[in-house]
Amino acid sequence: MHVVDNAPIMKFEHAGLTVEGYSRAAVQSYWRIPELKIGFDLGAQPWDFMVTPTWLISHAHLDHMAALPVYIARRRMMKMKPPTIYLPEANLEDVKKLLLVWQRLDRGRMVVELKGVKPGDEIELSRDHVISVIRTSHTVPSVGYVVWERRFKLKEEYHGRPGNELRDLKYAGVEITHEVRTPLVAYTGDTSPHALDDHPVLFEAKVLITEMSFIVPNHRREKIHKFGHMHLDDFLERAERFKNELIVCGHYSTRYNPNQVHRYLERKLPPHLKERLRVWI
């Protein structure tokens, strides 16, 4: 088994956004977008990530959520505001019980705002950003997240109207604008390719953070899909559908070493996909 650092951080900047984190199957997964003040999954908790106040958990496997009590306790120790954690609704009550047990063991309060979510829910992140929750396909209850940038534009029928008239209409309660959304960041967590096929927006988001657990041909895809993961061939079959500006792939199996993954993808990926895909290993 290839040995990895305890909590390494890789970083890539694109179009005003910074993607930071790391993901290795059965080891640890954690990502954050500091400009949006959000993170995805807490399989480990690099000290630098403690300042991020909002985390979105995809599922409750240990390599994606083991650091939850550590993160909450560190925030309290440093006298920081209690964080907000979104997680699959099916896990909410068990996680509350888990934190109560840790509170008794640690003799310190676990102060946090836990919010259960399900596919179809929306999370108001800020005036400019909203997050939608999508269904993913894994062996336990799981969700993915899409962060939308939203702008409020003047409705066409009000174009050319003077400013004072628009102001009066607005004060009178008339809706003079409409909301326009653009998918900014999508995060799948662990999933079979069904999530991609069921949610075309994943192919359209400016930044897609996803998994590619397996790469070599002798790993049977039907078994990989059954256990809620993806293979390189799943990406090759959908190569023309990816419109993302940046695709970050992680969660590679510990059966592979980094050089093996890089060499194999260099040979297999078509140029138009290779130039936009970043390997996180």
Foldseek 3Di string as FASTA:
>chain_A
DDDDDQWDKDWDDDPHWIWIGFAAAPRATKIDTVVLLEIEFPLDDDPVNLSRQEYEYFDDDNRGHVCVQVSQVVCVVVVHDAGEYEYAQVCQVVVVVVQVVVCVVVVHHRDHHYDHDDAQDKACSDPQKIKGWHAFAAPGGGIKIWIKGKDWAFDPVCPPPDPVVVVVCVVVVHRGTDMDIATAEIEGEFFECVRCVVDLVLLRHQEYEYEAAEEDPVPDNVVQRNRGHHHPVSCVVCVVSRPHQAYEYHRYHPVDDPVVVVVRCVVPPDPVNVVRYDYRD
